[in-house]
């Protein structure tokens, strides 16, 4: 493998966007990184057994990662613990089923307590990185039973590839 992609990462690689996003700066010859912050909020999205496209913030249409974005890290920040009247399962996906987080019980890690957890992909493990084939936003997949409460943010850190 070649040189690490983070070799020339500097603050100037980011430009501030609406909704708390940071997007890659263009034309500085460095390796531009960016991130998107998405939110699941039961009060906004509900909790029915379904697949829900996450929004950039409560009540705002989803911002999508561009085609060719290489997601190198994902982090979840649980604000309100998920609850369910049954045995709900939750998965997170971007490009394919379970690629960010495999379906698991709502009461299991990373949803069982408030705070920050690292998800897949993991920066240090390039075999877990996800490359989008089209513009996409992450989705939460609720299965088995409905959720009755909960709120979390998902942060996706990426760089833009020049190829699809």
C-alpha atoms as a PDB file:
ATOM      1  CA  UNK A   1       0.000   0.000   0.000  1.00  0.00           C
ATOM      2  CA  UNK A   2       1.225   3.552  -0.718  1.00  0.00           C
ATOM      3  CA  UNK A   3       1.722   6.433   1.667  1.00  0.00           C
ATOM      4  CA  UNK A   4      -0.906   6.945   4.349  1.00  0.00           C
ATOM      5  CA  UNK A   5      -3.754   9.134   3.153  1.00  0.00           C
ATOM      6  CA  UNK A   6      -3.582  11.265   6.285  1.00  0.00           C
ATOM      7  CA  UNK A   7       0.001  12.390   5.640  1.00  0.00           C
ATOM      8  CA  UNK A   8      -0.909  15.925   4.565  1.00  0.00           C
ATOM      9  CA  UNK A   9      -4.138  16.411   6.506  1.00  0.00           C
ATOM     10  CA  UNK A  10      -4.456  19.997   7.704  1.00  0.00           C
ATOM     11  CA  UNK A  11      -7.246  22.224   8.953  1.00  0.00           C
ATOM     12  CA  UNK A  12      -7.303  24.074   5.637  1.00  0.00           C
ATOM     13  CA  UNK A  13      -8.690  20.910   4.043  1.00  0.00           C
ATOM     14  CA  UNK A  14     -12.127  21.634   5.524  1.00  0.00           C
ATOM     15  CA  UNK A  15     -14.778  24.165   4.618  1.00  0.00           C
ATOM     16  CA  UNK A  16     -17.745  24.779   6.884  1.00  0.00           C
ATOM     17  CA  UNK A  17     -21.153  23.870   5.511  1.00  0.00           C
ATOM     18  CA  UNK A  18     -24.734  24.258   6.732  1.00  0.00           C
ATOM     19  CA  UNK A  19     -26.109  21.836   9.336  1.00  0.00           C
ATOM     20  CA  UNK A  20     -22.763  21.349  11.086  1.00  0.00           C
ATOM     21  CA  UNK A  21     -21.135  19.580   8.151  1.00  0.00           C
ATOM     22  CA  UNK A  22     -17.518  19.877   7.077  1.00  0.00           C
ATOM     23  CA  UNK A  23     -16.748  19.258   3.414  1.00  0.00           C
ATOM     24  CA  UNK A  24     -13.455  18.742   1.594  1.00  0.00           C
ATOM     25  CA  UNK A  25     -11.796  21.888   0.332  1.00  0.00           C
ATOM     26  CA  UNK A  26     -10.925  21.860  -3.338  1.00  0.00           C
ATOM     27  CA  UNK A  27      -7.708  22.581  -5.150  1.00  0.00           C
ATOM     28  CA  UNK A  28      -5.124  22.676  -2.375  1.00  0.00           C
ATOM     29  CA  UNK A  29      -3.332  19.531  -3.587  1.00  0.00           C
ATOM     30  CA  UNK A  30      -3.700  17.888  -0.199  1.00  0.00           C
ATOM     31  CA  UNK A  31      -5.820  14.885   0.801  1.00  0.00           C
ATOM     32  CA  UNK A  32      -9.184  16.472   1.594  1.00  0.00           C
ATOM     33  CA  UNK A  33     -11.276  14.920   4.338  1.00  0.00           C
ATOM     34  CA  UNK A  34     -14.765  15.821   5.394  1.00  0.00           C
ATOM     35  CA  UNK A  35     -17.541  14.530   7.558  1.00  0.00           C
ATOM     36  CA  UNK A  36     -21.288  14.484   7.681  1.00  0.00           C
ATOM     37  CA  UNK A  37     -23.348  14.391  10.857  1.00  0.00           C
ATOM     38  CA  UNK A  38     -26.681  12.577  10.656  1.00  0.00           C
ATOM     39  CA  UNK A  39     -29.366  12.248  13.306  1.00  0.00           C
ATOM     40  CA  UNK A  40     -31.977   9.672  14.257  1.00  0.00           C
ATOM     41  CA  UNK A  41     -34.595  11.192  16.558  1.00  0.00           C
ATOM     42  CA  UNK A  42     -37.656   9.175  17.555  1.00  0.00           C
ATOM     43  CA  UNK A  43     -39.636  12.407  18.037  1.00  0.00           C
ATOM     44  CA  UNK A  44     -39.053  13.241  14.346  1.00  0.00           C
ATOM     45  CA  UNK A  45     -38.636   9.884  12.583  1.00  0.00           C
ATOM     46  CA  UNK A  46     -40.819   7.585  14.675  1.00  0.00           C
ATOM     47  CA  UNK A  47     -39.762   4.038  15.427  1.00  0.00           C
ATOM     48  CA  UNK A  48     -41.876   1.715  13.285  1.00  0.00           C
ATOM     49  CA  UNK A  49     -40.343  -1.431  11.805  1.00  0.00           C
ATOM     50  CA  UNK A  50     -38.894   0.136   8.669  1.00  0.00           C
ATOM     51  CA  UNK A  51     -35.844   1.567   6.935  1.00  0.00           C
ATOM     52  CA  UNK A  52     -35.393   5.273   7.661  1.00  0.00           C
ATOM     53  CA  UNK A  53     -33.007   7.540   5.756  1.00  0.00           C
ATOM     54  CA  UNK A  54     -31.217   9.674   8.324  1.00  0.00           C
ATOM     55  CA  UNK A  55     -31.364  13.443   8.075  1.00  0.00           C
ATOM     56  CA  UNK A  56     -28.567  15.947   8.497  1.00  0.00           C
ATOM     57  CA  UNK A  57     -30.376  17.317  11.571  1.00  0.00           C
ATOM     58  CA  UNK A  58     -33.866  17.122  13.046  1.00  0.00           C
ATOM     59  CA  UNK A  59     -36.445  18.151  10.469  1.00  0.00           C
ATOM     60  CA  UNK A  60     -33.991  18.742   7.582  1.00  0.00           C
ATOM     61  CA  UNK A  61     -33.896  16.637   4.423  1.00  0.00           C
ATOM     62  CA  UNK A  62     -30.965  14.220   4.307  1.00  0.00           C
ATOM     63  CA  UNK A  63     -27.670  15.416   2.933  1.00  0.00           C
ATOM     64  CA  UNK A  64     -25.960  12.727   0.907  1.00  0.00           C
ATOM     65  CA  UNK A  65     -22.357  11.708   0.710  1.00  0.00           C
ATOM     66  CA  UNK A  66     -21.236  12.158  -2.893  1.00  0.00           C
ATOM     67  CA  UNK A  67     -20.629   9.246  -5.255  1.00  0.00           C
ATOM     68  CA  UNK A  68     -17.055   8.061  -4.826  1.00  0.00           C
ATOM     69  CA  UNK A  69     -16.839   9.107  -1.167  1.00  0.00           C
ATOM     70  CA  UNK A  70     -14.582   6.747   0.764  1.00  0.00           C
ATOM     71  CA  UNK A  71     -15.882   6.519   4.323  1.00  0.00           C
ATOM     72  CA  UNK A  72     -12.944   5.718   6.593  1.00  0.00           C
ATOM     73  CA  UNK A  73     -14.515   6.054  10.023  1.00  0.00           C
ATOM     74  CA  UNK A  74     -17.933   6.119  11.653  1.00  0.00           C
ATOM     75  CA  UNK A  75     -18.838   7.257  15.161  1.00  0.00           C
ATOM     76  CA  UNK A  76     -22.151   7.189  17.013  1.00  0.00           C
ATOM     77  CA  UNK A  77     -23.071   9.593  19.806  1.00  0.00           C
ATOM     78  CA  UNK A  78     -26.105   8.294  21.705  1.00  0.00           C
ATOM     79  CA  UNK A  79     -28.011  11.209  23.244  1.00  0.00           C
ATOM     80  CA  UNK A  80     -31.118   9.314  24.429  1.00  0.00           C
ATOM     81  CA  UNK A  81     -31.005   5.549  24.981  1.00  0.00           C
ATOM     82  CA  UNK A  82     -33.188   3.543  22.592  1.00  0.00           C
ATOM     83  CA  UNK A  83     -36.258   1.869  24.087  1.00  0.00           C
ATOM     84  CA  UNK A  84     -38.771  -0.617  22.740  1.00  0.00           C
ATOM     85  CA  UNK A  85     -41.904  -2.361  23.922  1.00  0.00           C
ATOM     86  CA  UNK A  86     -40.548  -5.565  22.341  1.00  0.00           C
ATOM     87  CA  UNK A  87     -37.296  -6.993  21.080  1.00  0.00           C
ATOM     88  CA  UNK A  88     -36.407  -4.370  18.450  1.00  0.00           C
ATOM     89  CA  UNK A  89     -33.222  -4.714  16.427  1.00  0.00           C
ATOM     90  CA  UNK A  90     -31.303  -1.847  14.879  1.00  0.00           C
ATOM     91  CA  UNK A  91     -28.814  -1.793  11.992  1.00  0.00           C
ATOM     92  CA  UNK A  92     -27.053   1.051  10.195  1.00  0.00           C
ATOM     93  CA  UNK A  93     -26.210   0.916   6.516  1.00  0.00           C
ATOM     94  CA  UNK A  94     -24.772   3.130   3.812  1.00  0.00           C
ATOM     95  CA  UNK A  95     -23.818   1.195   0.687  1.00  0.00           C
ATOM     96  CA  UNK A  96     -25.096  -2.275   1.650  1.00  0.00           C
ATOM     97  CA  UNK A  97     -26.978  -4.003   4.450  1.00  0.00           C
ATOM     98  CA  UNK A  98     -25.184  -3.927   7.802  1.00  0.00           C
ATOM     99  CA  UNK A  99     -22.045  -2.206   6.461  1.00  0.00           C
ATOM    100  CA  UNK A 100     -21.871   0.387   9.253  1.00  0.00           C
ATOM    101  CA  UNK A 101     -23.463  -1.644  12.042  1.00  0.00           C
ATOM    102  CA  UNK A 102     -24.928  -5.147  11.918  1.00  0.00           C
ATOM    103  CA  UNK A 103     -28.444  -5.605  13.272  1.00  0.00           C
ATOM    104  CA  UNK A 104     -28.389  -6.027  17.030  1.00  0.00           C
ATOM    105  CA  UNK A 105     -30.774  -5.681  19.957  1.00  0.00           C
ATOM    106  CA  UNK A 106     -31.739  -2.097  20.752  1.00  0.00           C
ATOM    107  CA  UNK A 107     -30.532  -2.626  24.327  1.00  0.00           C
ATOM    108  CA  UNK A 108     -27.033  -3.746  23.269  1.00  0.00           C
ATOM    109  CA  UNK A 109     -23.870  -1.819  22.519  1.00  0.00           C
ATOM    110  CA  UNK A 110     -23.672   0.864  21.165  1.00  0.00           C
ATOM    111  CA  UNK A 111     -27.260   1.824  22.031  1.00  0.00           C
ATOM    112  CA  UNK A 112     -27.378   0.693  25.691  1.00  0.00           C
ATOM    113  CA  UNK A 113     -25.849   3.867  27.170  1.00  0.00           C
ATOM    114  CA  UNK A 114     -25.384   7.505  26.251  1.00  0.00           C
ATOM    115  CA  UNK A 115     -22.022   8.539  24.865  1.00  0.00           C
ATOM    116  CA  UNK A 116     -19.684   7.970  21.954  1.00  0.00           C
ATOM    117  CA  UNK A 117     -18.739   4.643  20.321  1.00  0.00           C
ATOM    118  CA  UNK A 118     -16.706   3.811  17.212  1.00  0.00           C
ATOM    119  CA  UNK A 119     -18.563   1.890  14.501  1.00  0.00           C
ATOM    120  CA  UNK A 120     -17.451   0.344  11.206  1.00  0.00           C
ATOM    121  CA  UNK A 121     -15.576   1.447   9.168  1.00  0.00           C
ATOM    122  CA  UNK A 122     -12.496   1.820  11.363  1.00  0.00           C
ATOM    123  CA  UNK A 123      -9.837   4.251  10.177  1.00  0.00           C
ATOM    124  CA  UNK A 124      -6.900   1.943  10.918  1.00  0.00           C
ATOM    125  CA  UNK A 125      -8.460  -0.990   9.034  1.00  0.00           C
ATOM    126  CA  UNK A 126      -8.795  -0.114   5.342  1.00  0.00           C
ATOM    127  CA  UNK A 127     -10.618  -3.367   4.566  1.00  0.00           C
ATOM    128  CA  UNK A 128     -13.620  -1.937   6.464  1.00  0.00           C
ATOM    129  CA  UNK A 129     -13.768   1.305   4.462  1.00  0.00           C
ATOM    130  CA  UNK A 130     -16.904   1.917   2.404  1.00  0.00           C
ATOM    131  CA  UNK A 131     -16.857   3.556  -1.052  1.00  0.00           C
ATOM    132  CA  UNK A 132     -20.162   4.947  -2.279  1.00  0.00           C
ATOM    133  CA  UNK A 133     -21.219   4.037  -5.804  1.00  0.00           C
ATOM    134  CA  UNK A 134     -23.855   6.789  -5.853  1.00  0.00           C
ATOM    135  CA  UNK A 135     -24.787   9.764  -3.671  1.00  0.00           C
ATOM    136  CA  UNK A 136     -26.109   8.229  -0.439  1.00  0.00           C
ATOM    137  CA  UNK A 137     -27.229   8.979   3.106  1.00  0.00           C
ATOM    138  CA  UNK A 138     -27.062   6.381   5.880  1.00  0.00           C
ATOM    139  CA  UNK A 139     -30.174   4.476   6.912  1.00  0.00           C
ATOM    140  CA  UNK A 140     -31.335   2.968  10.161  1.00  0.00           C
ATOM    141  CA  UNK A 141     -33.069  -0.385   9.789  1.00  0.00           C
ATOM    142  CA  UNK A 142     -35.504  -1.170  12.602  1.00  0.00           C
ATOM    143  CA  UNK A 143     -36.582  -4.796  12.781  1.00  0.00           C
ATOM    144  CA  UNK A 144     -38.569  -7.282  14.892  1.00  0.00           C
ATOM    145  CA  UNK A 145     -40.378  -4.648  17.021  1.00  0.00           C
ATOM    146  CA  UNK A 146     -40.844  -0.890  17.007  1.00  0.00           C
ATOM    147  CA  UNK A 147     -38.684   1.567  18.922  1.00  0.00           C
ATOM    148  CA  UNK A 148     -40.486   3.802  21.439  1.00  0.00           C
ATOM    149  CA  UNK A 149     -37.771   6.409  22.133  1.00  0.00           C
ATOM    150  CA  UNK A 150     -34.202   7.347  21.339  1.00  0.00           C
ATOM    151  CA  UNK A 151     -31.891   9.834  19.692  1.00  0.00           C
ATOM    152  CA  UNK A 152     -28.372   9.526  18.311  1.00  0.00           C
ATOM    153  CA  UNK A 153     -25.970  11.193  15.901  1.00  0.00           C
ATOM    154  CA  UNK A 154     -23.855   9.286  13.376  1.00  0.00           C
ATOM    155  CA  UNK A 155     -20.670  10.935  12.117  1.00  0.00           C
ATOM    156  CA  UNK A 156     -19.219   9.642   8.832  1.00  0.00           C
ATOM    157  CA  UNK A 157     -15.651  10.742   8.058  1.00  0.00           C
ATOM    158  CA  UNK A 158     -14.613  10.470   4.411  1.00  0.00           C
ATOM    159  CA  UNK A 159     -12.372  11.581   1.596  1.00  0.00           C
ATOM    160  CA  UNK A 160     -13.438  12.015  -2.003  1.00  0.00           C
ATOM    161  CA  UNK A 161     -12.050   9.512  -4.483  1.00  0.00           C
ATOM    162  CA  UNK A 162     -11.584  10.598  -8.064  1.00  0.00           C
ATOM    163  CA  UNK A 163     -12.956   7.279  -9.342  1.00  0.00           C
ATOM    164  CA  UNK A 164     -16.170   5.354  -8.935  1.00  0.00           C
END
